[in-house]
Amino acid sequence: MVAELLRICCRSAVVLPGAQWPQGRAWGAHPLLDWIDRWPFPLGSCCCLAWMGAGRVPMAVLFVDIDQFKHINDAYGHAGGDCELKTMVQRINKALRKRDWAARIGGDEMLVVLYGLNDLGKAMAIGEKLLLAAHQPIDFGAQQIKVSISVGVTLAASAESADSIIARAEQAMYLAKRHGRDQIMTVPV
C-alpha cells in the first residue's frame, strides 16, 4: 500500500486541483512534461525520501542531467530544448519500474528514486538503460537532436536525510560530467 501511495503521490503528475503545500505553495506539475516539477519537489519528495531512507525501505537514487542542454537551446531554440526534455521524460518513464518515481528538479536536472532497491549493480544497470535511451536521436522537425546524459547513482544509507542522499547522487553526477559526460558514476555511502 505504501509503494502504491508513493507511486501516486510522487511519480504521477496527476495533481489534485487546488491542493496546497504548507507555506501556501501550490502542487506543481510541469505543463509540458506532465511530471512533478521543481519546487515544491523538496517538501513532498524529501518527505518520501526521508521516510524511505530512515531504514524503513531500501532505495537507490539517480541524479540525471542532460549534457550540453544550453547548446541544444542555442542551436535549436527553446522549442528544441522543450522537445528534448519531453522526450527524455518519456524515455525515463519507460525505463523505470512501476514502483519507481521521478521528478524534474530544475532546468535539465531530474531525480529518480528506485524504490525498494538496495543493490548498487542493479541501480547502475537502470542508469545504463537511461544512458542508452538518451542515445537515441530525437526527431525535431526535419532535424535530429543528439542527446547524452550524465547520471549519478547512490544507495540510501539507513537513517540518512533526504538532503544527504540527493547531495551524494548529485556529487556522483558531477563526477560523471568531469570524466567526460555521457556516463554513469557513483560515490560510496
Protein backbone atom coordinates (compact mmCIF):
# COMPACT_ATOMS: atom_id res chain seq x y z
CA MET A 1 0.00 0.00 0.00
CA VAL A 2 2.84 2.41 0.83
CA ALA A 3 4.51 1.72 -2.52
CA GLU A 4 1.26 2.48 -4.32
CA LEU A 5 0.76 5.69 -2.35
CA LEU A 6 4.29 6.84 -3.12
CA ARG A 7 3.82 5.99 -6.80
CA ILE A 8 0.64 8.00 -6.97
CA CYS A 9 1.96 10.96 -4.95
CA CYS A 10 5.48 11.15 -6.27
CA ARG A 11 5.72 9.75 -9.79
CA SER A 12 2.33 10.53 -11.18
CA ALA A 13 1.88 14.09 -12.28
CA VAL A 14 -1.85 13.88 -11.73
CA VAL A 15 -2.14 16.60 -9.14
CA LEU A 16 -5.19 17.43 -7.10
CA PRO A 17 -6.66 20.75 -8.31
CA GLY A 18 -6.03 23.49 -5.78
CA ALA A 19 -4.01 21.26 -3.46
CA GLN A 20 -1.55 23.30 -1.44
CA TRP A 21 1.77 22.51 0.16
CA PRO A 22 2.34 24.13 3.54
CA GLN A 23 3.51 27.74 3.30
CA GLY A 24 0.95 28.34 0.54
CA ARG A 25 2.91 26.79 -2.35
CA ALA A 26 0.76 25.03 -4.92
CA TRP A 27 1.49 21.49 -6.05
CA GLY A 28 3.41 21.66 -9.27
CA ALA A 29 3.08 19.56 -12.39
CA HIS A 30 5.08 20.81 -15.33
CA PRO A 31 2.58 21.52 -18.14
CA LEU A 32 4.97 20.40 -20.88
CA LEU A 33 6.46 17.36 -19.17
CA ASP A 34 3.43 16.02 -17.28
CA TRP A 35 5.75 15.35 -14.34
CA ILE A 36 6.07 16.70 -10.84
CA ASP A 37 8.12 19.81 -11.33
CA ARG A 38 10.74 21.68 -9.37
CA TRP A 39 9.84 23.13 -6.05
CA PRO A 40 7.54 22.07 -4.32
CA PHE A 41 9.65 18.98 -5.03
CA PRO A 42 11.70 19.24 -1.83
CA LEU A 43 8.85 19.21 0.62
CA GLY A 44 6.80 16.30 -0.69
CA SER A 45 9.55 14.25 -2.26
CA CYS A 46 12.04 14.80 0.52
CA CYS A 47 9.38 13.60 2.95
CA CYS A 48 9.09 10.45 0.83
CA LEU A 49 12.88 10.11 0.68
CA ALA A 50 13.24 10.67 4.41
CA TRP A 51 10.59 8.07 5.18
CA MET A 52 12.20 5.53 2.87
CA GLY A 53 15.75 6.41 3.90
CA ALA A 54 15.06 6.07 7.61
CA GLY A 55 15.80 2.38 7.39
CA ARG A 56 12.23 1.52 6.53
CA VAL A 57 12.62 0.92 2.80
CA PRO A 58 15.82 0.45 0.81
CA MET A 59 16.26 2.66 -2.21
CA ALA A 60 18.66 3.91 -4.82
CA VAL A 61 18.67 7.49 -6.08
CA LEU A 62 19.77 8.63 -9.54
CA PHE A 63 20.54 12.26 -10.33
CA VAL A 64 20.22 12.79 -14.10
CA ASP A 65 21.45 15.83 -16.03
CA ILE A 66 21.15 16.37 -19.79
CA ASP A 67 24.60 17.12 -21.19
CA GLN A 68 25.11 20.37 -23.10
CA PHE A 69 21.49 21.42 -22.69
CA LYS A 70 22.30 25.09 -23.20
CA HIS A 71 23.89 24.17 -26.53
CA ILE A 72 20.64 22.44 -27.56
CA ASN A 73 18.63 25.56 -26.70
CA ASP A 74 21.14 27.75 -28.57
CA ALA A 75 21.22 25.50 -31.65
CA TYR A 76 17.53 24.55 -31.91
CA GLY A 77 15.76 27.26 -29.91
CA HIS A 78 13.64 26.74 -26.83
CA ALA A 79 11.24 24.56 -28.83
CA GLY A 80 14.14 22.16 -29.45
CA GLY A 81 15.03 22.17 -25.76
CA ASP A 82 11.40 21.54 -24.81
CA CYS A 83 11.25 18.66 -27.30
CA GLU A 84 14.41 17.19 -25.79
CA LEU A 85 13.12 17.48 -22.21
CA LYS A 86 9.74 15.97 -23.07
CA THR A 87 11.33 13.08 -24.95
CA MET A 88 13.79 12.36 -22.14
CA VAL A 89 10.95 12.33 -19.59
CA GLN A 90 9.08 9.79 -21.72
CA ARG A 91 12.20 7.64 -22.07
CA ILE A 92 12.95 7.75 -18.37
CA ASN A 93 9.36 6.74 -17.58
CA LYS A 94 9.66 3.74 -19.92
CA ALA A 95 12.92 2.62 -18.28
CA LEU A 96 11.54 2.65 -14.74
CA ARG A 97 9.63 0.04 -12.85
CA LYS A 98 6.06 0.88 -11.82
CA ARG A 99 7.05 1.45 -8.20
CA ASP A 100 9.86 3.89 -9.06
CA TRP A 101 9.31 7.61 -9.44
CA ALA A 102 10.98 10.58 -10.99
CA ALA A 103 10.69 14.35 -10.95
CA ARG A 104 12.27 17.30 -12.65
CA ILE A 105 14.10 19.28 -10.01
CA GLY A 106 15.22 22.19 -12.13
CA GLY A 107 16.34 23.11 -15.63
CA ASP A 108 17.53 19.89 -17.20
CA GLU A 109 18.05 18.00 -13.92
CA MET A 110 15.91 15.07 -12.87
CA LEU A 111 15.83 12.88 -9.80
CA VAL A 112 14.89 9.21 -9.98
CA VAL A 113 14.11 7.10 -6.91
CA LEU A 114 14.31 3.33 -7.29
CA TYR A 115 12.02 2.24 -4.51
CA GLY A 116 12.94 -0.94 -2.62
CA LEU A 117 16.29 -1.38 -4.42
CA ASN A 118 19.43 -1.81 -2.33
CA ASP A 119 21.69 -3.36 -4.97
CA LEU A 120 24.13 -0.86 -6.49
CA GLY A 121 24.73 -3.11 -9.51
CA LYS A 122 21.01 -3.16 -10.33
CA ALA A 123 20.75 0.59 -9.82
CA MET A 124 23.72 1.10 -12.16
CA ALA A 125 22.02 -1.19 -14.72
CA ILE A 126 18.91 1.02 -14.66
CA GLY A 127 21.18 4.04 -15.07
CA GLU A 128 22.74 2.33 -18.10
CA LYS A 129 19.24 1.85 -19.54
CA LEU A 130 18.73 5.59 -19.19
CA LEU A 131 22.06 6.29 -20.95
CA LEU A 132 21.13 4.01 -23.85
CA ALA A 133 17.67 5.57 -24.10
CA ALA A 134 19.26 9.02 -24.27
CA HIS A 135 21.47 7.98 -27.18
CA GLN A 136 18.50 7.55 -29.50
CA PRO A 137 18.29 10.69 -31.66
CA ILE A 138 15.27 12.91 -31.09
CA ASP A 139 13.29 13.95 -34.15
CA PHE A 140 12.75 17.69 -34.22
CA GLY A 141 11.12 18.80 -37.45
CA ALA A 142 13.46 17.82 -40.27
CA GLN A 143 16.41 17.56 -37.85
CA GLN A 144 17.59 15.06 -35.30
CA ILE A 145 18.90 16.14 -31.93
CA LYS A 146 21.67 14.00 -30.44
CA VAL A 147 21.46 13.69 -26.69
CA SER A 148 23.58 12.37 -23.88
CA ILE A 149 23.10 12.42 -20.14
CA SER A 150 25.28 12.19 -17.07
CA VAL A 151 23.92 10.07 -14.24
CA GLY A 152 24.94 9.91 -10.60
CA VAL A 153 23.82 6.88 -8.59
CA THR A 154 23.83 6.21 -4.89
CA LEU A 155 22.17 3.96 -2.35
CA ALA A 156 20.45 5.40 0.69
CA ALA A 157 22.09 4.62 3.99
CA SER A 158 19.94 3.73 6.96
CA ALA A 159 18.53 6.79 8.75
CA GLU A 160 20.10 9.16 6.20
CA SER A 161 18.49 12.51 5.49
CA ALA A 162 16.93 13.22 2.11
CA ASP A 163 19.30 16.14 1.60
CA SER A 164 22.30 13.88 2.14
CA ILE A 165 21.02 11.23 -0.29
CA ILE A 166 20.31 13.80 -3.00
CA ALA A 167 23.63 15.60 -2.45
CA ARG A 168 25.58 12.34 -2.86
CA ALA A 169 23.70 11.43 -6.05
CA GLU A 170 24.35 14.95 -7.39
CA GLN A 171 28.04 14.65 -6.47
CA ALA A 172 28.22 11.41 -8.46
CA MET A 173 26.55 13.11 -11.44
CA TYR A 174 29.12 15.94 -11.38
CA LEU A 175 31.86 13.30 -11.21
CA ALA A 176 30.42 11.79 -14.42
CA LYS A 177 30.48 15.23 -16.05
CA ARG A 178 34.11 15.83 -15.00
CA HIS A 179 35.08 12.49 -16.52
CA GLY A 180 33.74 13.40 -19.95
CA ARG A 181 29.95 13.31 -19.63
CA ASP A 182 27.68 10.65 -21.16
CA GLN A 183 28.28 8.15 -18.38
CA ILE A 184 27.12 6.89 -15.02
CA MET A 185 29.12 7.24 -11.84
CA THR A 186 28.64 6.52 -8.17
CA VAL A 187 30.19 7.68 -4.92
CA PRO A 188 30.43 5.45 -1.86
CA VAL A 189 27.99 5.87 1.01
